Amino acid sequence: MAQILDPLPSNYKNGIVCCYVNATSKIQVVRISNIPNWHFERVVFPGQRLVFESMPQGLLEVHTGMMASAILSDKIPCITLRIDMELNESEGEDPEMGEDATTQSSEKELVKLQR
């Protein structure tokens, strides 16, 4: 399912792309509120992967939903959720596999993030 990115304010130049996975069986609300002039908040369903842009100093608050409330269950520095979007020149198509090696390495990185 496509995610809509909330762009960082134009005066921020060094944003990072991050990935968070809700590995619980409960609905979560994640939010970043420690970056001036910008607020990010999303609902993340069980098993859902959320890709978003933040500043390295961003702090992702994870609120886990209960019946009629939500509790702050974690605060994660966004720098630890960063995914590498740069491609190495040594990576490319694997002629035997018929698929892009960069796609395979990205999938392996996301699996590591889920654990």
PDB file of N, CA and C in Angstrom:
ATOM      1  N   MET A   1       0.847  -1.169   0.000  1.00  0.00           N
ATOM      2  CA  MET A   1       0.000   0.000   0.000  1.00  0.00           C
ATOM      3  C   MET A   1       0.892   1.231   0.000  1.00  0.00           C
ATOM      4  N   ALA A   2       0.581   2.217  -0.799  1.00  0.00           N
ATOM      5  CA  ALA A   2       1.413   3.411  -0.919  1.00  0.00           C
ATOM      6  C   ALA A   2       1.290   4.284   0.321  1.00  0.00           C
ATOM      7  N   GLN A   3       2.393   4.884   0.697  1.00  0.00           N
ATOM      8  CA  GLN A   3       2.426   5.816   1.812  1.00  0.00           C
ATOM      9  C   GLN A   3       2.645   7.218   1.265  1.00  0.00           C
ATOM     10  N   ILE A   4       1.988   8.190   1.847  1.00  0.00           N
ATOM     11  CA  ILE A   4       2.198   9.576   1.456  1.00  0.00           C
ATOM     12  C   ILE A   4       3.238  10.155   2.404  1.00  0.00           C
ATOM     13  N   LEU A   5       4.308  10.691   1.829  1.00  0.00           N
ATOM     14  CA  LEU A   5       5.353  11.274   2.647  1.00  0.00           C
ATOM     15  C   LEU A   5       4.994  12.705   2.996  1.00  0.00           C
ATOM     16  N   ASP A   6       5.173  13.081   4.254  1.00  0.00           N
ATOM     17  CA  ASP A   6       5.062  14.474   4.651  1.00  0.00           C
ATOM     18  C   ASP A   6       6.424  15.091   4.449  1.00  0.00           C
ATOM     19  N   PRO A   7       6.545  15.981   3.480  1.00  0.00           N
ATOM     20  CA  PRO A   7       7.865  16.558   3.242  1.00  0.00           C
ATOM     21  C   PRO A   7       8.318  17.399   4.426  1.00  0.00           C
ATOM     22  N   LEU A   8       9.611  17.361   4.664  1.00  0.00           N
ATOM     23  CA  LEU A   8      10.190  18.201   5.701  1.00  0.00           C
ATOM     24  C   LEU A   8      10.127  19.652   5.258  1.00  0.00           C
ATOM     25  N   PRO A   9      10.137  20.605   6.195  1.00  0.00           N
ATOM     26  CA  PRO A   9      10.179  22.010   5.797  1.00  0.00           C
ATOM     27  C   PRO A   9      11.373  22.279   4.873  1.00  0.00           C
ATOM     28  N   SER A  10      11.206  23.218   3.958  1.00  0.00           N
ATOM     29  CA  SER A  10      12.225  23.464   2.929  1.00  0.00           C
ATOM     30  C   SER A  10      13.569  23.906   3.502  1.00  0.00           C
ATOM     31  N   ASN A  11      13.606  24.426   4.724  1.00  0.00           N
ATOM     32  CA  ASN A  11      14.885  24.844   5.298  1.00  0.00           C
ATOM     33  C   ASN A  11      15.692  23.677   5.868  1.00  0.00           C
ATOM     34  N   TYR A  12      15.121  22.476   5.884  1.00  0.00           N
ATOM     35  CA  TYR A  12      15.853  21.284   6.311  1.00  0.00           C
ATOM     36  C   TYR A  12      16.412  20.585   5.076  1.00  0.00           C
ATOM     37  N   LYS A  13      17.716  20.432   5.014  1.00  0.00           N
ATOM     38  CA  LYS A  13      18.354  19.905   3.810  1.00  0.00           C
ATOM     39  C   LYS A  13      18.823  18.450   3.930  1.00  0.00           C
ATOM     40  N   ASN A  14      19.052  17.938   5.140  1.00  0.00           N
ATOM     41  CA  ASN A  14      19.664  16.614   5.274  1.00  0.00           C
ATOM     42  C   ASN A  14      18.708  15.592   5.889  1.00  0.00           C
ATOM     43  N   GLY A  15      17.525  15.454   5.290  1.00  0.00           N
ATOM     44  CA  GLY A  15      16.569  14.465   5.771  1.00  0.00           C
ATOM     45  C   GLY A  15      17.048  13.047   5.480  1.00  0.00           C
ATOM     46  N   ILE A  16      16.520  12.098   6.243  1.00  0.00           N
ATOM     47  CA  ILE A  16      16.848  10.688   6.051  1.00  0.00           C
ATOM     48  C   ILE A  16      15.551   9.914   5.816  1.00  0.00           C
ATOM     49  N   VAL A  17      15.639   8.800   5.111  1.00  0.00           N
ATOM     50  CA  VAL A  17      14.485   7.927   4.884  1.00  0.00           C
ATOM     51  C   VAL A  17      14.545   6.818   5.930  1.00  0.00           C
ATOM     52  N   CYS A  18      13.422   6.595   6.589  1.00  0.00           N
ATOM     53  CA  CYS A  18      13.365   5.637   7.689  1.00  0.00           C
ATOM     54  C   CYS A  18      12.258   4.614   7.442  1.00  0.00           C
ATOM     55  N   CYS A  19      12.367   3.488   8.138  1.00  0.00           N
ATOM     56  CA  CYS A  19      11.357   2.449   8.042  1.00  0.00           C
ATOM     57  C   CYS A  19      11.033   1.931   9.445  1.00  0.00           C
ATOM     58  N   TYR A  20       9.742   1.894   9.760  1.00  0.00           N
ATOM     59  CA  TYR A  20       9.282   1.339  11.029  1.00  0.00           C
ATOM     60  C   TYR A  20       8.274   0.241  10.723  1.00  0.00           C
ATOM     61  N   VAL A  21       8.350  -0.866  11.443  1.00  0.00           N
ATOM     62  CA  VAL A  21       7.425  -1.985  11.273  1.00  0.00           C
ATOM     63  C   VAL A  21       6.694  -2.224  12.585  1.00  0.00           C
ATOM     64  N   ASN A  22       5.376  -2.272  12.525  1.00  0.00           N
ATOM     65  CA  ASN A  22       4.578  -2.605  13.696  1.00  0.00           C
ATOM     66  C   ASN A  22       4.553  -4.128  13.821  1.00  0.00           C
ATOM     67  N   ALA A  23       5.391  -4.656  14.695  1.00  0.00           N
ATOM     68  CA  ALA A  23       5.511  -6.100  14.876  1.00  0.00           C
ATOM     69  C   ALA A  23       4.581  -6.619  15.966  1.00  0.00           C
ATOM     70  N   THR A  24       3.630  -5.790  16.402  1.00  0.00           N
ATOM     71  CA  THR A  24       2.695  -6.217  17.437  1.00  0.00           C
ATOM     72  C   THR A  24       1.371  -6.629  16.799  1.00  0.00           C
ATOM     73  N   SER A  25       0.441  -7.062  17.630  1.00  0.00           N
ATOM     74  CA  SER A  25      -0.897  -7.414  17.148  1.00  0.00           C
ATOM     75  C   SER A  25      -1.891  -6.292  17.420  1.00  0.00           C
ATOM     76  N   LYS A  26      -1.381  -5.122  17.816  1.00  0.00           N
ATOM     77  CA  LYS A  26      -2.242  -3.986  18.148  1.00  0.00           C
ATOM     78  C   LYS A  26      -1.985  -2.821  17.185  1.00  0.00           C
ATOM     79  N   ILE A  27      -2.980  -1.976  17.039  1.00  0.00           N
ATOM     80  CA  ILE A  27      -2.820  -0.760  16.235  1.00  0.00           C
ATOM     81  C   ILE A  27      -1.934   0.210  17.008  1.00  0.00           C
ATOM     82  N   GLN A  28      -1.040   0.878  16.282  1.00  0.00           N
ATOM     83  CA  GLN A  28      -0.155   1.859  16.901  1.00  0.00           C
ATOM     84  C   GLN A  28      -0.309   3.205  16.202  1.00  0.00           C
ATOM     85  N   VAL A  29      -0.050   4.258  16.948  1.00  0.00           N
ATOM     86  CA  VAL A  29       0.052   5.603  16.388  1.00  0.00           C
ATOM     87  C   VAL A  29       1.492   6.030  16.617  1.00  0.00           C
ATOM     88  N   VAL A  30       2.165   6.407  15.527  1.00  0.00           N
ATOM     89  CA  VAL A  30       3.547   6.869  15.647  1.00  0.00           C
ATOM     90  C   VAL A  30       3.572   8.351  15.322  1.00  0.00           C
ATOM     91  N   ARG A  31       4.449   9.069  16.017  1.00  0.00           N
ATOM     92  CA  ARG A  31       4.511  10.508  15.809  1.00  0.00           C
ATOM     93  C   ARG A  31       5.911  11.025  16.056  1.00  0.00           C
ATOM     94  N   ILE A  32       6.268  12.051  15.300  1.00  0.00           N
ATOM     95  CA  ILE A  32       7.513  12.792  15.526  1.00  0.00           C
ATOM     96  C   ILE A  32       7.094  14.221  15.814  1.00  0.00           C
ATOM     97  N   SER A  33       7.414  14.709  16.994  1.00  0.00           N
ATOM     98  CA  SER A  33       6.990  16.062  17.356  1.00  0.00           C
ATOM     99  C   SER A  33       8.139  16.933  17.855  1.00  0.00           C
ATOM    100  N   ASN A  34       9.368  16.420  17.766  1.00  0.00           N
ATOM    101  CA  ASN A  34      10.492  17.196  18.301  1.00  0.00           C
ATOM    102  C   ASN A  34      11.247  17.991  17.227  1.00  0.00           C
ATOM    103  N   ILE A  35      10.693  18.084  16.015  1.00  0.00           N
ATOM    104  CA  ILE A  35      11.333  18.870  14.956  1.00  0.00           C
ATOM    105  C   ILE A  35      10.506  20.138  14.776  1.00  0.00           C
ATOM    106  N   PRO A  36      11.127  21.311  14.974  1.00  0.00           N
ATOM    107  CA  PRO A  36      10.374  22.570  14.875  1.00  0.00           C
ATOM    108  C   PRO A  36       9.720  22.759  13.498  1.00  0.00           C
ATOM    109  N   ASN A  37       8.528  23.301  13.509  1.00  0.00           N
ATOM    110  CA  ASN A  37       7.753  23.634  12.298  1.00  0.00           C
ATOM    111  C   ASN A  37       7.349  22.410  11.481  1.00  0.00           C
ATOM    112  N   TRP A  38       7.313  21.240  12.096  1.00  0.00           N
ATOM    113  CA  TRP A  38       6.920  20.032  11.381  1.00  0.00           C
ATOM    114  C   TRP A  38       6.335  19.038  12.370  1.00  0.00           C
ATOM    115  N   HIS A  39       5.257  18.397  11.971  1.00  0.00           N
ATOM    116  CA  HIS A  39       4.636  17.376  12.824  1.00  0.00           C
ATOM    117  C   HIS A  39       4.269  16.194  11.936  1.00  0.00           C
ATOM    118  N   PHE A  40       4.623  15.020  12.381  1.00  0.00           N
ATOM    119  CA  PHE A  40       4.365  13.794  11.626  1.00  0.00           C
ATOM    120  C   PHE A  40       3.600  12.846  12.528  1.00  0.00           C
ATOM    121  N   GLU A  41       2.495  12.308  12.031  1.00  0.00           N
ATOM    122  CA  GLU A  41       1.717  11.348  12.812  1.00  0.00           C
ATOM    123  C   GLU A  41       1.007  10.393  11.858  1.00  0.00           C
ATOM    124  N   ARG A  42       1.089   9.105  12.145  1.00  0.00           N
ATOM    125  CA  ARG A  42       0.464   8.074  11.309  1.00  0.00           C
ATOM    126  C   ARG A  42      -0.074   6.947  12.185  1.00  0.00           C
ATOM    127  N   VAL A  43      -1.116   6.305  11.684  1.00  0.00           N
ATOM    128  CA  VAL A  43      -1.622   5.067  12.276  1.00  0.00           C
ATOM    129  C   VAL A  43      -0.917   3.925  11.560  1.00  0.00           C
ATOM    130  N   VAL A  44      -0.403   2.960  12.337  1.00  0.00           N
ATOM    131  CA  VAL A  44       0.300   1.813  11.763  1.00  0.00           C
ATOM    132  C   VAL A  44      -0.413   0.547  12.253  1.00  0.00           C
ATOM    133  N   PHE A  45      -0.940  -0.198  11.311  1.00  0.00           N
ATOM    134  CA  PHE A  45      -1.680  -1.409  11.645  1.00  0.00           C
ATOM    135  C   PHE A  45      -0.724  -2.571  11.902  1.00  0.00           C
ATOM    136  N   PRO A  46      -1.195  -3.611  12.602  1.00  0.00           N
ATOM    137  CA  PRO A  46      -0.328  -4.764  12.885  1.00  0.00           C
ATOM    138  C   PRO A  46       0.299  -5.330  11.614  1.00  0.00           C
ATOM    139  N   GLY A  47       1.606  -5.522  11.637  1.00  0.00           N
ATOM    140  CA  GLY A  47       2.339  -6.071  10.506  1.00  0.00           C
ATOM    141  C   GLY A  47       2.654  -5.070   9.407  1.00  0.00           C
ATOM    142  N   GLN A  48       2.171  -3.842   9.524  1.00  0.00           N
ATOM    143  CA  GLN A  48       2.388  -2.840   8.483  1.00  0.00           C
ATOM    144  C   GLN A  48       3.782  -2.238   8.575  1.00  0.00           C
ATOM    145  N   ARG A  49       4.355  -1.956   7.410  1.00  0.00           N
ATOM    146  CA  ARG A  49       5.657  -1.290   7.300  1.00  0.00           C
ATOM    147  C   ARG A  49       5.405   0.150   6.902  1.00  0.00           C
ATOM    148  N   LEU A  50       6.002   1.092   7.623  1.00  0.00           N
ATOM    149  CA  LEU A  50       5.839   2.514   7.354  1.00  0.00           C
ATOM    150  C   LEU A  50       7.184   3.101   6.949  1.00  0.00           C
ATOM    151  N   VAL A  51       7.241   3.673   5.746  1.00  0.00           N
ATOM    152  CA  VAL A  51       8.454   4.339   5.265  1.00  0.00           C
ATOM    153  C   VAL A  51       8.175   5.833   5.309  1.00  0.00           C
ATOM    154  N   PHE A  52       9.080   6.599   5.913  1.00  0.00           N
ATOM    155  CA  PHE A  52       8.859   8.025   6.086  1.00  0.00           C
ATOM    156  C   PHE A  52      10.185   8.772   6.076  1.00  0.00           C
ATOM    157  N   GLU A  53      10.091  10.083   5.922  1.00  0.00           N
ATOM    158  CA  GLU A  53      11.281  10.940   5.926  1.00  0.00           C
ATOM    159  C   GLU A  53      11.323  11.713   7.236  1.00  0.00           C
ATOM    160  N   SER A  54      12.524  11.876   7.779  1.00  0.00           N
ATOM    161  CA  SER A  54      12.703  12.605   9.028  1.00  0.00           C
ATOM    162  C   SER A  54      14.075  13.256   9.031  1.00  0.00           C
ATOM    163  N   MET A  55      14.333  13.995  10.067  1.00  0.00           N
ATOM    164  CA  MET A  55      15.678  14.515  10.317  1.00  0.00           C
ATOM    165  C   MET A  55      16.402  13.496  11.203  1.00  0.00           C
ATOM    166  N   PRO A  56      17.738  13.447  11.143  1.00  0.00           N
ATOM    167  CA  PRO A  56      18.468  12.474  11.967  1.00  0.00           C
ATOM    168  C   PRO A  56      18.178  12.616  13.463  1.00  0.00           C
ATOM    169  N   GLN A  57      17.891  13.820  13.913  1.00  0.00           N
ATOM    170  CA  GLN A  57      17.627  14.027  15.343  1.00  0.00           C
ATOM    171  C   GLN A  57      16.170  13.755  15.723  1.00  0.00           C
ATOM    172  N   GLY A  58      15.346  13.351  14.742  1.00  0.00           N
ATOM    173  CA  GLY A  58      13.943  13.047  15.025  1.00  0.00           C
ATOM    174  C   GLY A  58      13.798  11.891  15.998  1.00  0.00           C
ATOM    175  N   LEU A  59      12.743  11.959  16.809  1.00  0.00           N
ATOM    176  CA  LEU A  59      12.463  10.919  17.794  1.00  0.00           C
ATOM    177  C   LEU A  59      11.053  10.389  17.530  1.00  0.00           C
ATOM    178  N   LEU A  60      10.956   9.123  17.127  1.00  0.00           N
ATOM    179  CA  LEU A  60       9.670   8.508  16.812  1.00  0.00           C
ATOM    180  C   LEU A  60       9.032   7.990  18.095  1.00  0.00           C
ATOM    181  N   GLU A  61       7.882   8.556  18.441  1.00  0.00           N
ATOM    182  CA  GLU A  61       7.124   8.081  19.598  1.00  0.00           C
ATOM    183  C   GLU A  61       6.135   7.028  19.109  1.00  0.00           C
ATOM    184  N   VAL A  62       6.091   5.895  19.780  1.00  0.00           N
ATOM    185  CA  VAL A  62       5.182   4.814  19.402  1.00  0.00           C
ATOM    186  C   VAL A  62       4.136   4.676  20.503  1.00  0.00           C
ATOM    187  N   HIS A  63       2.880   4.911  20.133  1.00  0.00           N
ATOM    188  CA  HIS A  63       1.762   4.803  21.069  1.00  0.00           C
ATOM    189  C   HIS A  63       0.955   3.570  20.671  1.00  0.00           C
ATOM    190  N   THR A  64       0.845   2.616  21.594  1.00  0.00           N
ATOM    191  CA  THR A  64       0.143   1.373  21.321  1.00  0.00           C
ATOM    192  C   THR A  64      -1.301   1.492  21.780  1.00  0.00           C
ATOM    193  N   GLY A  65      -2.226   1.152  20.877  1.00  0.00           N
ATOM    194  CA  GLY A  65      -3.649   1.310  21.143  1.00  0.00           C
ATOM    195  C   GLY A  65      -4.204   0.237  22.051  1.00  0.00           C
ATOM    196  N   MET A  66      -4.980   0.674  23.014  1.00  0.00           N
ATOM    197  CA  MET A  66      -5.751  -0.216  23.867  1.00  0.00           C
ATOM    198  C   MET A  66      -7.224   0.035  23.545  1.00  0.00           C
ATOM    199  N   MET A  67      -8.133  -0.484  24.345  1.00  0.00           N
ATOM    200  CA  MET A  67      -9.548  -0.391  24.009  1.00  0.00           C
ATOM    201  C   MET A  67     -10.008   1.059  23.816  1.00  0.00           C
ATOM    202  N   ALA A  68      -9.794   1.918  24.761  1.00  0.00           N
ATOM    203  CA  ALA A  68     -10.267   3.305  24.628  1.00  0.00           C
ATOM    204  C   ALA A  68      -9.139   4.302  24.866  1.00  0.00           C
ATOM    205  N   SER A  69      -7.912   3.845  24.750  1.00  0.00           N
ATOM    206  CA  SER A  69      -6.788   4.743  25.009  1.00  0.00           C
ATOM    207  C   SER A  69      -5.550   4.223  24.295  1.00  0.00           C
ATOM    208  N   ALA A  70      -4.476   4.948  24.448  1.00  0.00           N
ATOM    209  CA  ALA A  70      -3.188   4.516  23.906  1.00  0.00           C
ATOM    210  C   ALA A  70      -2.114   4.901  24.906  1.00  0.00           C
ATOM    211  N   ILE A  71      -1.113   4.037  25.039  1.00  0.00           N
ATOM    212  CA  ILE A  71      -0.020   4.337  25.952  1.00  0.00           C
ATOM    213  C   ILE A  71       1.262   4.502  25.150  1.00  0.00           C
ATOM    214  N   LEU A  72       2.122   5.402  25.618  1.00  0.00           N
ATOM    215  CA  LEU A  72       3.423   5.583  24.988  1.00  0.00           C
ATOM    216  C   LEU A  72       4.254   4.359  25.318  1.00  0.00           C
ATOM    217  N   SER A  73       4.540   3.540  24.300  1.00  0.00           N
ATOM    218  CA  SER A  73       5.240   2.292  24.554  1.00  0.00           C
ATOM    219  C   SER A  73       6.705   2.333  24.164  1.00  0.00           C
ATOM    220  N   ASP A  74       7.122   3.326  23.368  1.00  0.00           N
ATOM    221  CA  ASP A  74       8.529   3.371  22.954  1.00  0.00           C
ATOM    222  C   ASP A  74       8.853   4.734  22.365  1.00  0.00           C
ATOM    223  N   LYS A  75      10.118   5.108  22.469  1.00  0.00           N
ATOM    224  CA  LYS A  75      10.664   6.275  21.773  1.00  0.00           C
ATOM    225  C   LYS A  75      11.915   5.794  21.059  1.00  0.00           C
ATOM    226  N   ILE A  76      11.936   5.940  19.739  1.00  0.00           N
ATOM    227  CA  ILE A  76      13.025   5.393  18.932  1.00  0.00           C
ATOM    228  C   ILE A  76      13.703   6.525  18.170  1.00  0.00           C
ATOM    229  N   PRO A  77      15.019   6.700  18.314  1.00  0.00           N
ATOM    230  CA  PRO A  77      15.715   7.704  17.493  1.00  0.00           C
ATOM    231  C   PRO A  77      15.596   7.337  16.017  1.00  0.00           C
ATOM    232  N   CYS A  78      15.195   8.296  15.202  1.00  0.00           N
ATOM    233  CA  CYS A  78      14.985   8.022  13.770  1.00  0.00           C
ATOM    234  C   CYS A  78      16.269   7.567  13.087  1.00  0.00           C
ATOM    235  N   ILE A  79      17.410   8.002  13.568  1.00  0.00           N
ATOM    236  CA  ILE A  79      18.682   7.606  12.946  1.00  0.00           C
ATOM    237  C   ILE A  79      18.851   6.090  12.997  1.00  0.00           C
ATOM    238  N   THR A  80      18.254   5.419  14.005  1.00  0.00           N
ATOM    239  CA  THR A  80      18.366   3.957  14.084  1.00  0.00           C
ATOM    240  C   THR A  80      17.403   3.254  13.133  1.00  0.00           C
ATOM    241  N   LEU A  81      16.420   3.990  12.607  1.00  0.00           N
ATOM    242  CA  LEU A  81      15.453   3.426  11.663  1.00  0.00           C
ATOM    243  C   LEU A  81      15.824   3.747  10.218  1.00  0.00           C
ATOM    244  N   ARG A  82      16.940   4.398  10.029  1.00  0.00           N
ATOM    245  CA  ARG A  82      17.356   4.848   8.696  1.00  0.00           C
ATOM    246  C   ARG A  82      17.564   3.666   7.750  1.00  0.00           C
ATOM    247  N   ILE A  83      17.102   3.834   6.503  1.00  0.00           N
ATOM    248  CA  ILE A  83      17.398   2.850   5.472  1.00  0.00           C
ATOM    249  C   ILE A  83      18.284   3.524   4.441  1.00  0.00           C
ATOM    250  N   ASP A  84      19.244   2.780   3.933  1.00  0.00           N
ATOM    251  CA  ASP A  84      20.219   3.316   2.994  1.00  0.00           C
ATOM    252  C   ASP A  84      19.613   3.333   1.610  1.00  0.00           C
ATOM    253  N   MET A  85      19.472   4.511   1.040  1.00  0.00           N
ATOM    254  CA  MET A  85      18.860   4.654  -0.277  1.00  0.00           C
ATOM    255  C   MET A  85      19.901   4.800  -1.382  1.00  0.00           C
ATOM    256  N   GLU A  86      21.185   4.830  -1.025  1.00  0.00           N
ATOM    257  CA  GLU A  86      22.228   4.972  -2.030  1.00  0.00           C
ATOM    258  C   GLU A  86      22.586   3.606  -2.601  1.00  0.00           C
ATOM    259  N   LEU A  87      22.893   3.580  -3.900  1.00  0.00           N
ATOM    260  CA  LEU A  87      23.266   2.334  -4.554  1.00  0.00           C
ATOM    261  C   LEU A  87      24.778   2.281  -4.711  1.00  0.00           C
ATOM    262  N   ASN A  88      25.352   1.146  -4.403  1.00  0.00           N
ATOM    263  CA  ASN A  88      26.782   0.948  -4.632  1.00  0.00           C
ATOM    264  C   ASN A  88      27.004   0.615  -6.094  1.00  0.00           C
ATOM    265  N   GLU A  89      28.131   1.052  -6.641  1.00  0.00           N
ATOM    266  CA  GLU A  89      28.427   0.775  -8.037  1.00  0.00           C
ATOM    267  C   GLU A  89      28.646  -0.711  -8.282  1.00  0.00           C
ATOM    268  N   SER A  90      29.055  -1.466  -7.250  1.00  0.00           N
ATOM    269  CA  SER A  90      29.321  -2.890  -7.428  1.00  0.00           C
ATOM    270  C   SER A  90      28.034  -3.704  -7.512  1.00  0.00           C
ATOM    271  N   GLU A  91      26.905  -3.118  -7.063  1.00  0.00           N
ATOM    272  CA  GLU A  91      25.643  -3.833  -7.126  1.00  0.00           C
ATOM    273  C   GLU A  91      25.012  -3.619  -8.493  1.00  0.00           C
ATOM    274  N   GLY A  92      24.230  -4.555  -8.914  1.00  0.00           N
ATOM    275  CA  GLY A  92      23.568  -4.441 -10.205  1.00  0.00           C
ATOM    276  C   GLY A  92      22.749  -5.675 -10.462  1.00  0.00           C
ATOM    277  N   GLU A  93      22.473  -5.952 -11.698  1.00  0.00           N
ATOM    278  CA  GLU A  93      21.672  -7.118 -12.023  1.00  0.00           C
ATOM    279  C   GLU A  93      22.488  -8.397 -11.894  1.00  0.00           C
ATOM    280  N   ASP A  94      21.856  -9.405 -11.349  1.00  0.00           N
ATOM    281  CA  ASP A  94      22.445 -10.731 -11.228  1.00  0.00           C
ATOM    282  C   ASP A  94      21.933 -11.539 -12.420  1.00  0.00           C
ATOM    283  N   PRO A  95      22.809 -11.847 -13.393  1.00  0.00           N
ATOM    284  CA  PRO A  95      22.333 -12.510 -14.604  1.00  0.00           C
ATOM    285  C   PRO A  95      21.708 -13.877 -14.348  1.00  0.00           C
ATOM    286  N   GLU A  96      22.157 -14.597 -13.307  1.00  0.00           N
ATOM    287  CA  GLU A  96      21.592 -15.917 -13.036  1.00  0.00           C
ATOM    288  C   GLU A  96      20.214 -15.814 -12.401  1.00  0.00           C
ATOM    289  N   MET A  97      20.024 -14.813 -11.548  1.00  0.00           N
ATOM    290  CA  MET A  97      18.760 -14.689 -10.840  1.00  0.00           C
ATOM    291  C   MET A  97      17.717 -13.940 -11.660  1.00  0.00           C
ATOM    292  N   GLY A  98      18.162 -13.099 -12.563  1.00  0.00           N
ATOM    293  CA  GLY A  98      17.226 -12.360 -13.384  1.00  0.00           C
ATOM    294  C   GLY A  98      16.541 -11.224 -12.660  1.00  0.00           C
ATOM    295  N   GLU A  99      17.032 -10.874 -11.461  1.00  0.00           N
ATOM    296  CA  GLU A  99      16.457  -9.733 -10.779  1.00  0.00           C
ATOM    297  C   GLU A  99      17.560  -8.841 -10.251  1.00  0.00           C
ATOM    298  N   ASP A 100      17.184  -7.671  -9.854  1.00  0.00           N
ATOM    299  CA  ASP A 100      18.133  -6.658  -9.434  1.00  0.00           C
ATOM    300  C   ASP A 100      18.693  -7.006  -8.054  1.00  0.00           C
ATOM    301  N   ALA A 101      20.003  -7.049  -7.932  1.00  0.00           N
ATOM    302  CA  ALA A 101      20.650  -7.383  -6.653  1.00  0.00           C
ATOM    303  C   ALA A 101      20.386  -6.310  -5.612  1.00  0.00           C
ATOM    304  N   THR A 102      20.194  -5.072  -6.041  1.00  0.00           N
ATOM    305  CA  THR A 102      19.917  -4.008  -5.074  1.00  0.00           C
ATOM    306  C   THR A 102      18.567  -4.226  -4.412  1.00  0.00           C
ATOM    307  N   THR A 103      17.605  -4.740  -5.133  1.00  0.00           N
ATOM    308  CA  THR A 103      16.300  -5.041  -4.557  1.00  0.00           C
ATOM    309  C   THR A 103      16.435  -6.126  -3.502  1.00  0.00           C
ATOM    310  N   GLN A 104      17.230  -7.158  -3.796  1.00  0.00           N
ATOM    311  CA  GLN A 104      17.439  -8.234  -2.833  1.00  0.00           C
ATOM    312  C   GLN A 104      18.102  -7.706  -1.571  1.00  0.00           C
ATOM    313  N   SER A 105      19.125  -6.854  -1.690  1.00  0.00           N
ATOM    314  CA  SER A 105      19.810  -6.357  -0.502  1.00  0.00           C
ATOM    315  C   SER A 105      18.900  -5.444   0.304  1.00  0.00           C
ATOM    316  N   SER A 106      18.037  -4.652  -0.357  1.00  0.00           N
ATOM    317  CA  SER A 106      17.091  -3.795   0.355  1.00  0.00           C
ATOM    318  C   SER A 106      16.096  -4.633   1.135  1.00  0.00           C
ATOM    319  N   GLU A 107      15.626  -5.730   0.536  1.00  0.00           N
ATOM    320  CA  GLU A 107      14.697  -6.600   1.229  1.00  0.00           C
ATOM    321  C   GLU A 107      15.361  -7.241   2.441  1.00  0.00           C
ATOM    322  N   LYS A 108      16.632  -7.623   2.328  1.00  0.00           N
ATOM    323  CA  LYS A 108      17.352  -8.201   3.469  1.00  0.00           C
ATOM    324  C   LYS A 108      17.475  -7.180   4.590  1.00  0.00           C
ATOM    325  N   GLU A 109      17.750  -5.904   4.244  1.00  0.00           N
ATOM    326  CA  GLU A 109      17.867  -4.858   5.256  1.00  0.00           C
ATOM    327  C   GLU A 109      16.536  -4.655   5.966  1.00  0.00           C
ATOM    328  N   LEU A 110      15.420  -4.686   5.231  1.00  0.00           N
ATOM    329  CA  LEU A 110      14.114  -4.502   5.863  1.00  0.00           C
ATOM    330  C   LEU A 110      13.776  -5.674   6.766  1.00  0.00           C
ATOM    331  N   VAL A 111      14.188  -6.879   6.412  1.00  0.00           N
ATOM    332  CA  VAL A 111      13.978  -8.038   7.274  1.00  0.00           C
ATOM    333  C   VAL A 111      14.746  -7.839   8.575  1.00  0.00           C
ATOM    334  N   LYS A 112      15.971  -7.324   8.485  1.00  0.00           N
ATOM    335  CA  LYS A 112      16.761  -7.055   9.701  1.00  0.00           C
ATOM    336  C   LYS A 112      16.049  -6.043  10.567  1.00  0.00           C
ATOM    337  N   LEU A 113      15.436  -5.000   9.966  1.00  0.00           N
ATOM    338  CA  LEU A 113      14.731  -3.992  10.734  1.00  0.00           C
ATOM    339  C   LEU A 113      13.525  -4.569  11.460  1.00  0.00           C
ATOM    340  N   GLN A 114      12.890  -5.575  10.863  1.00  0.00           N
ATOM    341  CA  GLN A 114      11.716  -6.163  11.484  1.00  0.00           C
ATOM    342  C   GLN A 114      12.057  -6.955  12.730  1.00  0.00           C
ATOM    343  N   ARG A 115      13.256  -7.457  12.814  1.00  0.00           N
ATOM    344  CA  ARG A 115      13.653  -8.287  13.949  1.00  0.00           C
ATOM    345  C   ARG A 115      14.029  -7.470  15.107  1.00  0.00           C
TER     346      ARG A 115
END
